[in-house]
C-alpha atoms as a PDB file:
ATOM      1  CA  MET A   1      18.407  37.976 -15.588  1.00  0.00           C
ATOM      2  CA  TRP A   2      19.368  37.074 -12.039  1.00  0.00           C
ATOM      3  CA  GLN A   3      17.849  38.784  -9.214  1.00  0.00           C
ATOM      4  CA  ALA A   4      18.578  38.440  -5.580  1.00  0.00           C
ATOM      5  CA  SER A   5      15.872  36.321  -3.649  1.00  0.00           C
ATOM      6  CA  LYS A   6      14.101  37.882  -0.550  1.00  0.00           C
ATOM      7  CA  ASN A   7      11.590  36.482   1.658  1.00  0.00           C
ATOM      8  CA  TYR A   8       8.756  38.443   3.729  1.00  0.00           C
ATOM      9  CA  GLY A   9       9.991  40.737   6.438  1.00  0.00           C
ATOM     10  CA  TRP A  10       8.091  39.174   9.219  1.00  0.00           C
ATOM     11  CA  ALA A  11       9.636  35.701   8.212  1.00  0.00           C
ATOM     12  CA  SER A  12      12.651  35.068  10.940  1.00  0.00           C
ATOM     13  CA  GLY A  13      15.730  36.673   9.534  1.00  0.00           C
ATOM     14  CA  GLY A  14      15.536  35.614   5.715  1.00  0.00           C
ATOM     15  CA  CYS A  15      14.456  32.340   6.409  1.00  0.00           C
ATOM     16  CA  SER A  16      11.522  30.498   4.900  1.00  0.00           C
ATOM     17  CA  ILE A  17       8.610  29.149   6.549  1.00  0.00           C
ATOM     18  CA  LEU A  18       8.822  25.182   6.465  1.00  0.00           C
ATOM     19  CA  SER A  19       5.274  24.814   5.057  1.00  0.00           C
ATOM     20  CA  GLU A  20       6.665  26.746   1.884  1.00  0.00           C
ATOM     21  CA  VAL A  21       9.071  23.694   1.207  1.00  0.00           C
ATOM     22  CA  GLY A  22       6.432  21.162   1.675  1.00  0.00           C
ATOM     23  CA  THR A  23       4.159  23.060  -0.809  1.00  0.00           C
ATOM     24  CA  LEU A  24       6.913  23.155  -3.403  1.00  0.00           C
ATOM     25  CA  HIS A  25       7.652  19.487  -2.674  1.00  0.00           C
ATOM     26  CA  LEU A  26       3.902  18.808  -3.645  1.00  0.00           C
ATOM     27  CA  GLU A  27       4.186  21.159  -6.954  1.00  0.00           C
ATOM     28  CA  PHE A  28       7.239  19.630  -8.279  1.00  0.00           C
ATOM     29  CA  ALA A  29       6.110  16.162  -7.525  1.00  0.00           C
ATOM     30  CA  TYR A  30       3.100  16.815  -9.507  1.00  0.00           C
ATOM     31  CA  LEU A  31       5.224  18.593 -12.321  1.00  0.00           C
ATOM     32  CA  SER A  32       7.013  15.477 -12.645  1.00  0.00           C
ATOM     33  CA  ASP A  33       3.850  13.142 -12.979  1.00  0.00           C
ATOM     34  CA  VAL A  34       2.293  15.550 -15.637  1.00  0.00           C
ATOM     35  CA  THR A  35       5.519  15.719 -17.632  1.00  0.00           C
ATOM     36  CA  GLY A  36       6.777  12.230 -17.052  1.00  0.00           C
ATOM     37  CA  ASP A  37      10.191  13.976 -16.336  1.00  0.00           C
ATOM     38  CA  PRO A  38      11.196  12.587 -12.804  1.00  0.00           C
ATOM     39  CA  THR A  39      13.819  15.176 -12.464  1.00  0.00           C
ATOM     40  CA  TYR A  40      11.517  17.615 -10.533  1.00  0.00           C
ATOM     41  CA  ARG A  41      10.658  14.947  -8.177  1.00  0.00           C
ATOM     42  CA  MET A  42      14.148  13.899  -7.378  1.00  0.00           C
ATOM     43  CA  LYS A  43      15.081  17.299  -6.691  1.00  0.00           C
ATOM     44  CA  VAL A  44      12.703  17.797  -4.066  1.00  0.00           C
ATOM     45  CA  ASP A  45      12.868  14.361  -2.407  1.00  0.00           C
ATOM     46  CA  ASN A  46      16.365  15.058  -2.128  1.00  0.00           C
ATOM     47  CA  ILE A  47      15.481  18.480  -0.257  1.00  0.00           C
ATOM     48  CA  ARG A  48      13.024  16.229   1.802  1.00  0.00           C
ATOM     49  CA  ARG A  49      15.810  13.762   2.763  1.00  0.00           C
ATOM     50  CA  VAL A  50      17.882  16.638   3.839  1.00  0.00           C
ATOM     51  CA  ILE A  51      15.403  18.018   6.269  1.00  0.00           C
ATOM     52  CA  GLN A  52      14.333  14.739   7.714  1.00  0.00           C
ATOM     53  CA  SER A  53      18.044  13.920   8.364  1.00  0.00           C
ATOM     54  CA  MET A  54      18.753  17.179  10.376  1.00  0.00           C
ATOM     55  CA  ASP A  55      18.481  17.625  14.146  1.00  0.00           C
ATOM     56  CA  LYS A  56      14.964  18.299  15.118  1.00  0.00           C
ATOM     57  CA  PRO A  57      15.116  20.143  18.534  1.00  0.00           C
ATOM     58  CA  ARG A  58      12.680  18.613  20.992  1.00  0.00           C
ATOM     59  CA  GLY A  59      11.902  16.178  18.408  1.00  0.00           C
ATOM     60  CA  LEU A  60      10.010  18.746  16.229  1.00  0.00           C
ATOM     61  CA  TYR A  61      10.466  20.763  13.081  1.00  0.00           C
ATOM     62  CA  PRO A  62      10.819  24.430  13.651  1.00  0.00           C
ATOM     63  CA  ASN A  63       8.841  26.687  11.701  1.00  0.00           C
ATOM     64  CA  TYR A  64      11.704  28.371   9.691  1.00  0.00           C
ATOM     65  CA  ILE A  65      14.649  27.224   7.744  1.00  0.00           C
ATOM     66  CA  ASN A  66      17.262  29.197   5.979  1.00  0.00           C
ATOM     67  CA  PRO A  67      17.067  28.674   2.177  1.00  0.00           C
ATOM     68  CA  LYS A  68      20.880  29.718   1.689  1.00  0.00           C
ATOM     69  CA  THR A  69      22.348  28.105   4.826  1.00  0.00           C
ATOM     70  CA  GLY A  70      19.963  25.034   5.090  1.00  0.00           C
ATOM     71  CA  LYS A  71      19.887  25.435   8.571  1.00  0.00           C
ATOM     72  CA  TRP A  72      17.049  25.977  11.149  1.00  0.00           C
ATOM     73  CA  GLY A  73      15.938  29.411  11.559  1.00  0.00           C
ATOM     74  CA  GLN A  74      14.235  30.752  14.506  1.00  0.00           C
ATOM     75  CA  ARG A  75      13.511  27.882  16.869  1.00  0.00           C
ATOM     76  CA  LYS A  76       9.634  28.488  17.213  1.00  0.00           C
ATOM     77  CA  PHE A  77       7.448  25.731  17.213  1.00  0.00           C
ATOM     78  CA  MET A  78       3.518  25.590  16.377  1.00  0.00           C
ATOM     79  CA  ASN A  79       1.240  23.244  17.651  1.00  0.00           C
ATOM     80  CA  ARG A  80      -2.133  24.999  16.425  1.00  0.00           C
ATOM     81  CA  SER A  81      -3.183  26.569  13.314  1.00  0.00           C
ATOM     82  CA  LEU A  82      -1.953  30.060  12.414  1.00  0.00           C
ATOM     83  CA  ARG A  83      -4.581  32.585  13.246  1.00  0.00           C
END
């Protein structure tokens, strides 16, 4: 059964927090390691390549990315931990 995806209301306009993408990268890479199936790592490596090739405002990665469009969300930057 297909369900529509949604993000937390406090996340910028339906965007995902960039750290979520990093977490998924670690999890899928580990899944490839434990299953011996490189497919999972290849998928997240491709996402990482796309993000690395994107324009970074002021040379920094914004906090939010839209999972449907692949574009940066709100242009907020953090240089400290979340509190």
